[in-house]
Amino acid sequence: MLPPTILLQDVSIYGTGPDYNPVQTAADIAAYLNGFIPGQTLYRSQLGNFAIVNGAADAIVTTPAANVIP
């Protein structure tokens, strides 16, 4: 058995809208990623939801290009 290793993942997201708060979106995504457990999959659609919740009318996740399965 091998111990868990940390997998770093860049996230690039583009949100639009007058009420979009990119700073809060980045903080929410960082907190979300820091709470991952070993073996948890990162779904791109969940990243876009953070932008929508933080006021984006539309959100485009460019990185990662696909879901990240550890």
C-alpha atoms as a PDB file:
ATOM      1  CA  MET A   1       0.000   0.000   0.000  1.00  0.00           C
ATOM      2  CA  LEU A   2       1.304   3.433  -0.901  1.00  0.00           C
ATOM      3  CA  PRO A   3       0.567   6.573   1.084  1.00  0.00           C
ATOM      4  CA  PRO A   4      -1.632   9.225  -0.548  1.00  0.00           C
ATOM      5  CA  THR A   5       0.214  11.825  -2.586  1.00  0.00           C
ATOM      6  CA  ILE A   6      -0.910  15.353  -3.312  1.00  0.00           C
ATOM      7  CA  LEU A   7      -1.957  15.998  -6.892  1.00  0.00           C
ATOM      8  CA  LEU A   8      -1.738  19.681  -7.783  1.00  0.00           C
ATOM      9  CA  GLN A   9      -4.309  20.969 -10.245  1.00  0.00           C
ATOM     10  CA  ASP A  10      -4.495  24.379 -11.897  1.00  0.00           C
ATOM     11  CA  VAL A  11      -7.982  25.801 -12.281  1.00  0.00           C
ATOM     12  CA  SER A  12      -8.865  28.478 -14.837  1.00  0.00           C
ATOM     13  CA  ILE A  13     -12.409  29.762 -14.913  1.00  0.00           C
ATOM     14  CA  TYR A  14     -13.903  32.709 -16.747  1.00  0.00           C
ATOM     15  CA  GLY A  15     -17.095  34.243 -15.402  1.00  0.00           C
ATOM     16  CA  THR A  16     -19.193  37.082 -16.771  1.00  0.00           C
ATOM     17  CA  GLY A  17     -21.813  39.350 -15.322  1.00  0.00           C
ATOM     18  CA  PRO A  18     -21.923  42.617 -13.397  1.00  0.00           C
ATOM     19  CA  ASP A  19     -22.313  40.889 -10.030  1.00  0.00           C
ATOM     20  CA  TYR A  20     -19.585  38.260 -10.538  1.00  0.00           C
ATOM     21  CA  ASN A  21     -17.113  38.081  -7.646  1.00  0.00           C
ATOM     22  CA  PRO A  22     -13.965  36.314  -8.931  1.00  0.00           C
ATOM     23  CA  VAL A  23     -12.098  36.746  -5.634  1.00  0.00           C
ATOM     24  CA  GLN A  24     -14.798  34.893  -3.674  1.00  0.00           C
ATOM     25  CA  THR A  25     -15.027  32.269  -6.416  1.00  0.00           C
ATOM     26  CA  ALA A  26     -11.286  31.598  -6.144  1.00  0.00           C
ATOM     27  CA  ALA A  27     -11.514  31.370  -2.344  1.00  0.00           C
ATOM     28  CA  ASP A  28     -14.465  28.979  -2.530  1.00  0.00           C
ATOM     29  CA  ILE A  29     -12.716  26.742  -5.071  1.00  0.00           C
ATOM     30  CA  ALA A  30      -9.530  26.675  -2.964  1.00  0.00           C
ATOM     31  CA  ALA A  31     -11.514  25.693   0.135  1.00  0.00           C
ATOM     32  CA  TYR A  32     -13.353  23.028  -1.871  1.00  0.00           C
ATOM     33  CA  LEU A  33     -10.119  21.522  -3.206  1.00  0.00           C
ATOM     34  CA  ASN A  34      -8.463  21.617   0.233  1.00  0.00           C
ATOM     35  CA  GLY A  35     -11.311  19.476   1.575  1.00  0.00           C
ATOM     36  CA  PHE A  36     -10.768  16.621  -0.878  1.00  0.00           C
ATOM     37  CA  ILE A  37     -10.204  13.136   0.464  1.00  0.00           C
ATOM     38  CA  PRO A  38      -7.827  10.629  -1.180  1.00  0.00           C
ATOM     39  CA  GLY A  39      -9.349   9.207  -4.337  1.00  0.00           C
ATOM     40  CA  GLN A  40     -11.997  11.920  -4.764  1.00  0.00           C
ATOM     41  CA  THR A  41     -12.716  12.950  -8.365  1.00  0.00           C
ATOM     42  CA  LEU A  42     -12.636  16.618  -9.370  1.00  0.00           C
ATOM     43  CA  TYR A  43     -15.617  17.365 -11.621  1.00  0.00           C
ATOM     44  CA  ARG A  44     -15.370  20.386 -13.937  1.00  0.00           C
ATOM     45  CA  SER A  45     -19.088  21.106 -13.654  1.00  0.00           C
ATOM     46  CA  GLN A  46     -18.755  21.644  -9.909  1.00  0.00           C
ATOM     47  CA  LEU A  47     -16.097  24.300 -10.496  1.00  0.00           C
ATOM     48  CA  GLY A  48     -18.426  26.257 -12.751  1.00  0.00           C
ATOM     49  CA  ASN A  49     -21.114  26.173 -10.091  1.00  0.00           C
ATOM     50  CA  PHE A  50     -18.893  28.188  -7.744  1.00  0.00           C
ATOM     51  CA  ALA A  51     -18.824  31.046 -10.250  1.00  0.00           C
ATOM     52  CA  ILE A  52     -22.598  30.907 -10.739  1.00  0.00           C
ATOM     53  CA  VAL A  53     -23.197  30.996  -6.973  1.00  0.00           C
ATOM     54  CA  ASN A  54     -20.885  34.010  -6.767  1.00  0.00           C
ATOM     55  CA  GLY A  55     -22.875  36.073  -9.260  1.00  0.00           C
ATOM     56  CA  ALA A  56     -21.660  34.965 -12.683  1.00  0.00           C
ATOM     57  CA  ALA A  57     -24.282  34.914 -15.403  1.00  0.00           C
ATOM     58  CA  ASP A  58     -22.111  32.458 -17.323  1.00  0.00           C
ATOM     59  CA  ALA A  59     -19.008  30.484 -16.373  1.00  0.00           C
ATOM     60  CA  ILE A  60     -16.497  28.711 -18.592  1.00  0.00           C
ATOM     61  CA  VAL A  61     -13.978  26.331 -17.059  1.00  0.00           C
ATOM     62  CA  THR A  62     -10.914  26.108 -19.311  1.00  0.00           C
ATOM     63  CA  THR A  63      -8.625  24.194 -16.940  1.00  0.00           C
ATOM     64  CA  PRO A  64      -8.853  21.340 -16.212  1.00  0.00           C
ATOM     65  CA  ALA A  65      -9.897  20.220 -19.674  1.00  0.00           C
ATOM     66  CA  ALA A  66     -11.662  17.130 -18.289  1.00  0.00           C
ATOM     67  CA  ASN A  67     -12.654  15.673 -14.960  1.00  0.00           C
ATOM     68  CA  VAL A  68      -9.602  14.801 -12.852  1.00  0.00           C
ATOM     69  CA  ILE A  69      -9.683  11.223 -11.645  1.00  0.00           C
ATOM     70  CA  PRO A  70      -6.870  10.440  -9.205  1.00  0.00           C
END
